Amino acid sequence: MPATELFDYAIVRVVPRVERGEFINVGAIVSCQRTGFLQAAVELDEARLHALDPWADAAQVRRHLDAIAAICAGLEQGGPIARLPHRARFHWLTARRSSIIQTSPVHTGRCPDMAGMLEHLMQRMVRPLPLRNPPAPAADEVAP
């Protein structure tokens, strides 16, 4: 059985109108200091974004979200922050800020598979929840 590792994670949020404090979860960042794992996944649901702010610039938001993934991966597109050690990048990405892109507080856990945990967080915290029991059709909608 693989050893469980201590990891930190934060949920990435888009706050299109900071003064209103409304947000949607759009991604997650997972970091494991011992293994050097640092990865982000982001999925922007433009319909949800525009439900909070019909005038939000989705292309600009997507560029900022892509920068998070580039910083985690240490890619040149991530700029000077991407050249920092992985732990410093994680702390920079999760620092409190009042901007359109924010992160949740940092949480800690243990797991054997960081990539699997990132997928789990995306499924649990970012993607829309499936309907459990679809509503029954109204009496006048039932076919004879």
C-alpha atoms as a PDB file:
ATOM      1  CA  MET A   1       0.000   0.000   0.000  1.00  0.00           C
ATOM      2  CA  PRO A   2       1.440   3.400  -0.946  1.00  0.00           C
ATOM      3  CA  ALA A   3       2.455   5.643   1.933  1.00  0.00           C
ATOM      4  CA  THR A   4       0.172   8.529   2.683  1.00  0.00           C
ATOM      5  CA  GLU A   5       1.737  11.951   2.366  1.00  0.00           C
ATOM      6  CA  LEU A   6       0.877  15.200   4.093  1.00  0.00           C
ATOM      7  CA  PHE A   7      -0.423  17.783   1.615  1.00  0.00           C
ATOM      8  CA  ASP A   8      -1.928  21.267   1.520  1.00  0.00           C
ATOM      9  CA  TYR A   9      -4.643  22.482  -0.790  1.00  0.00           C
ATOM     10  CA  ALA A  10      -6.679  25.556  -1.574  1.00  0.00           C
ATOM     11  CA  ILE A  11      -9.711  26.101  -3.755  1.00  0.00           C
ATOM     12  CA  VAL A  12      -9.396  28.746  -6.480  1.00  0.00           C
ATOM     13  CA  ARG A  13     -12.290  31.179  -6.648  1.00  0.00           C
ATOM     14  CA  VAL A  14     -13.427  33.841  -9.081  1.00  0.00           C
ATOM     15  CA  VAL A  15     -14.964  36.873  -7.410  1.00  0.00           C
ATOM     16  CA  PRO A  16     -16.168  38.936 -10.391  1.00  0.00           C
ATOM     17  CA  ARG A  17     -17.394  41.853  -8.274  1.00  0.00           C
ATOM     18  CA  VAL A  18     -15.181  41.958  -5.204  1.00  0.00           C
ATOM     19  CA  GLU A  19     -17.405  44.506  -3.467  1.00  0.00           C
ATOM     20  CA  ARG A  20     -20.283  41.987  -3.470  1.00  0.00           C
ATOM     21  CA  GLY A  21     -18.211  39.069  -2.137  1.00  0.00           C
ATOM     22  CA  GLU A  22     -19.966  36.512  -4.362  1.00  0.00           C
ATOM     23  CA  PHE A  23     -17.767  33.821  -5.876  1.00  0.00           C
ATOM     24  CA  ILE A  24     -17.666  30.589  -7.813  1.00  0.00           C
ATOM     25  CA  ASN A  25     -15.155  27.815  -7.264  1.00  0.00           C
ATOM     26  CA  VAL A  26     -13.139  27.292 -10.434  1.00  0.00           C
ATOM     27  CA  GLY A  27     -10.152  25.181  -9.457  1.00  0.00           C
ATOM     28  CA  ALA A  28      -7.869  23.666  -6.869  1.00  0.00           C
ATOM     29  CA  ILE A  29      -4.166  23.763  -6.020  1.00  0.00           C
ATOM     30  CA  VAL A  30      -2.489  20.807  -4.305  1.00  0.00           C
ATOM     31  CA  SER A  31       1.001  20.905  -2.800  1.00  0.00           C
ATOM     32  CA  CYS A  32       3.050  18.190  -1.115  1.00  0.00           C
ATOM     33  CA  GLN A  33       6.251  19.569   0.349  1.00  0.00           C
ATOM     34  CA  ARG A  34       8.012  16.229   0.841  1.00  0.00           C
ATOM     35  CA  THR A  35       7.493  14.997  -2.723  1.00  0.00           C
ATOM     36  CA  GLY A  36       7.716  18.404  -4.420  1.00  0.00           C
ATOM     37  CA  PHE A  37       4.254  17.985  -5.944  1.00  0.00           C
ATOM     38  CA  LEU A  38       2.573  21.260  -6.936  1.00  0.00           C
ATOM     39  CA  GLN A  39      -0.261  21.242  -9.419  1.00  0.00           C
ATOM     40  CA  ALA A  40      -3.391  23.222 -10.179  1.00  0.00           C
ATOM     41  CA  ALA A  41      -6.499  22.325 -12.122  1.00  0.00           C
ATOM     42  CA  VAL A  42      -8.980  24.971 -13.268  1.00  0.00           C
ATOM     43  CA  GLU A  43     -12.313  24.818 -15.062  1.00  0.00           C
ATOM     44  CA  LEU A  44     -14.150  28.057 -15.718  1.00  0.00           C
ATOM     45  CA  ASP A  45     -17.901  27.682 -16.175  1.00  0.00           C
ATOM     46  CA  GLU A  46     -18.694  30.863 -18.089  1.00  0.00           C
ATOM     47  CA  ALA A  47     -22.445  30.519 -17.534  1.00  0.00           C
ATOM     48  CA  ARG A  48     -21.931  30.516 -13.760  1.00  0.00           C
ATOM     49  CA  LEU A  49     -19.494  33.437 -14.055  1.00  0.00           C
ATOM     50  CA  HIS A  50     -21.996  35.475 -16.064  1.00  0.00           C
ATOM     51  CA  ALA A  51     -24.777  34.614 -13.617  1.00  0.00           C
ATOM     52  CA  LEU A  52     -22.808  36.595 -11.016  1.00  0.00           C
ATOM     53  CA  ASP A  53     -21.663  39.332 -13.391  1.00  0.00           C
ATOM     54  CA  PRO A  54     -23.107  39.522 -16.915  1.00  0.00           C
ATOM     55  CA  TRP A  55     -20.271  41.885 -17.942  1.00  0.00           C
ATOM     56  CA  ALA A  56     -17.375  39.774 -16.640  1.00  0.00           C
ATOM     57  CA  ASP A  57     -14.557  39.372 -19.155  1.00  0.00           C
ATOM     58  CA  ALA A  58     -14.301  35.576 -19.319  1.00  0.00           C
ATOM     59  CA  ALA A  59     -11.250  35.662 -21.610  1.00  0.00           C
ATOM     60  CA  GLN A  60      -9.322  37.811 -19.140  1.00  0.00           C
ATOM     61  CA  VAL A  61     -10.364  35.599 -16.206  1.00  0.00           C
ATOM     62  CA  ARG A  62      -9.241  32.527 -18.165  1.00  0.00           C
ATOM     63  CA  ARG A  63      -5.814  34.120 -18.794  1.00  0.00           C
ATOM     64  CA  HIS A  64      -5.357  34.715 -15.051  1.00  0.00           C
ATOM     65  CA  LEU A  65      -6.423  31.140 -14.267  1.00  0.00           C
ATOM     66  CA  ASP A  66      -4.004  29.776 -16.875  1.00  0.00           C
ATOM     67  CA  ALA A  67      -1.232  31.731 -15.130  1.00  0.00           C
ATOM     68  CA  ILE A  68      -1.943  29.805 -11.907  1.00  0.00           C
ATOM     69  CA  ALA A  69      -1.385  26.493 -13.676  1.00  0.00           C
ATOM     70  CA  ALA A  70       1.779  27.856 -15.337  1.00  0.00           C
ATOM     71  CA  ILE A  71       3.173  29.053 -11.994  1.00  0.00           C
ATOM     72  CA  CYS A  72       2.507  25.659 -10.404  1.00  0.00           C
ATOM     73  CA  ALA A  73       4.224  23.883 -13.284  1.00  0.00           C
ATOM     74  CA  GLY A  74       7.190  26.268 -13.168  1.00  0.00           C
ATOM     75  CA  LEU A  75       6.641  27.280 -16.799  1.00  0.00           C
ATOM     76  CA  GLU A  76       8.165  30.402 -18.351  1.00  0.00           C
ATOM     77  CA  GLN A  77       4.633  31.778 -18.955  1.00  0.00           C
ATOM     78  CA  GLY A  78       4.310  31.977 -15.159  1.00  0.00           C
ATOM     79  CA  GLY A  79       6.894  34.770 -15.026  1.00  0.00           C
ATOM     80  CA  PRO A  80       9.356  35.261 -12.175  1.00  0.00           C
ATOM     81  CA  ILE A  81       7.048  33.651  -9.596  1.00  0.00           C
ATOM     82  CA  ALA A  82       7.268  30.365 -11.530  1.00  0.00           C
ATOM     83  CA  ARG A  83      11.021  30.280 -10.878  1.00  0.00           C
ATOM     84  CA  LEU A  84      10.594  30.236  -7.090  1.00  0.00           C
ATOM     85  CA  PRO A  85      10.876  26.958  -5.146  1.00  0.00           C
ATOM     86  CA  HIS A  86       7.611  25.020  -5.254  1.00  0.00           C
ATOM     87  CA  ARG A  87       6.662  25.812  -1.636  1.00  0.00           C
ATOM     88  CA  ALA A  88       7.192  29.544  -2.173  1.00  0.00           C
ATOM     89  CA  ARG A  89       5.010  29.372  -5.301  1.00  0.00           C
ATOM     90  CA  PHE A  90       2.228  27.685  -3.334  1.00  0.00           C
ATOM     91  CA  HIS A  91       2.382  30.328  -0.602  1.00  0.00           C
ATOM     92  CA  TRP A  92       2.417  33.135  -3.168  1.00  0.00           C
ATOM     93  CA  LEU A  93      -0.611  31.674  -4.957  1.00  0.00           C
ATOM     94  CA  THR A  94      -2.578  31.199  -1.734  1.00  0.00           C
ATOM     95  CA  ALA A  95      -1.745  34.574  -0.138  1.00  0.00           C
ATOM     96  CA  ARG A  96      -4.829  36.563   0.842  1.00  0.00           C
ATOM     97  CA  ARG A  97      -5.766  39.197  -1.694  1.00  0.00           C
ATOM     98  CA  SER A  98      -8.711  41.310  -2.700  1.00  0.00           C
ATOM     99  CA  SER A  99      -8.897  40.674  -6.426  1.00  0.00           C
ATOM    100  CA  ILE A 100     -11.021  38.829  -8.941  1.00  0.00           C
ATOM    101  CA  ILE A 101      -8.978  35.630  -8.467  1.00  0.00           C
ATOM    102  CA  GLN A 102      -8.766  34.466  -4.841  1.00  0.00           C
ATOM    103  CA  THR A 103      -8.154  31.237  -2.974  1.00  0.00           C
ATOM    104  CA  SER A 104      -9.813  29.656   0.007  1.00  0.00           C
ATOM    105  CA  PRO A 105      -7.906  29.277   3.251  1.00  0.00           C
ATOM    106  CA  VAL A 106      -5.270  26.549   3.020  1.00  0.00           C
ATOM    107  CA  HIS A 107      -6.346  23.121   4.265  1.00  0.00           C
ATOM    108  CA  THR A 108      -4.181  20.128   5.145  1.00  0.00           C
ATOM    109  CA  GLY A 109      -4.738  16.403   4.657  1.00  0.00           C
ATOM    110  CA  ARG A 110      -3.070  13.061   4.013  1.00  0.00           C
ATOM    111  CA  CYS A 111      -3.310  10.876   0.927  1.00  0.00           C
ATOM    112  CA  PRO A 112      -1.185   8.508  -1.167  1.00  0.00           C
ATOM    113  CA  ASP A 113      -2.057  10.020  -4.586  1.00  0.00           C
ATOM    114  CA  MET A 114      -1.773  13.788  -5.050  1.00  0.00           C
ATOM    115  CA  ALA A 115      -3.022  13.797  -8.657  1.00  0.00           C
ATOM    116  CA  GLY A 116      -5.996  11.695  -7.560  1.00  0.00           C
ATOM    117  CA  MET A 117      -6.668  14.134  -4.714  1.00  0.00           C
ATOM    118  CA  LEU A 118      -6.607  17.052  -7.151  1.00  0.00           C
ATOM    119  CA  GLU A 119      -9.217  15.294  -9.297  1.00  0.00           C
ATOM    120  CA  HIS A 120     -11.282  14.511  -6.185  1.00  0.00           C
ATOM    121  CA  LEU A 121     -11.233  18.185  -5.144  1.00  0.00           C
ATOM    122  CA  MET A 122     -12.296  19.268  -8.622  1.00  0.00           C
ATOM    123  CA  GLN A 123     -15.198  16.828  -8.570  1.00  0.00           C
ATOM    124  CA  ARG A 124     -16.259  17.646  -5.027  1.00  0.00           C
ATOM    125  CA  MET A 125     -15.635  21.392  -4.816  1.00  0.00           C
ATOM    126  CA  VAL A 126     -15.658  22.829  -8.345  1.00  0.00           C
ATOM    127  CA  ARG A 127     -17.857  20.920 -10.763  1.00  0.00           C
ATOM    128  CA  PRO A 128     -21.628  21.331 -10.468  1.00  0.00           C
ATOM    129  CA  LEU A 129     -23.281  18.750  -8.267  1.00  0.00           C
ATOM    130  CA  PRO A 130     -25.423  16.156 -10.061  1.00  0.00           C
ATOM    131  CA  LEU A 131     -29.129  16.111  -9.377  1.00  0.00           C
ATOM    132  CA  ARG A 132     -29.926  13.380  -6.871  1.00  0.00           C
ATOM    133  CA  ASN A 133     -33.583  12.803  -7.643  1.00  0.00           C
ATOM    134  CA  PRO A 134     -35.004  14.593 -10.644  1.00  0.00           C
ATOM    135  CA  PRO A 135     -38.320  16.207  -9.833  1.00  0.00           C
ATOM    136  CA  ALA A 136     -41.367  14.132 -10.729  1.00  0.00           C
ATOM    137  CA  PRO A 137     -43.410  15.510 -13.614  1.00  0.00           C
ATOM    138  CA  ALA A 138     -46.474  17.501 -12.657  1.00  0.00           C
ATOM    139  CA  ALA A 139     -49.789  15.668 -12.897  1.00  0.00           C
ATOM    140  CA  ASP A 140     -50.764  17.587 -16.028  1.00  0.00           C
ATOM    141  CA  GLU A 141     -47.422  16.643 -17.705  1.00  0.00           C
ATOM    142  CA  VAL A 142     -47.838  12.865 -17.389  1.00  0.00           C
ATOM    143  CA  ALA A 143     -48.567  11.126 -20.691  1.00  0.00           C
ATOM    144  CA  PRO A 144     -51.833   9.142 -20.765  1.00  0.00           C
END
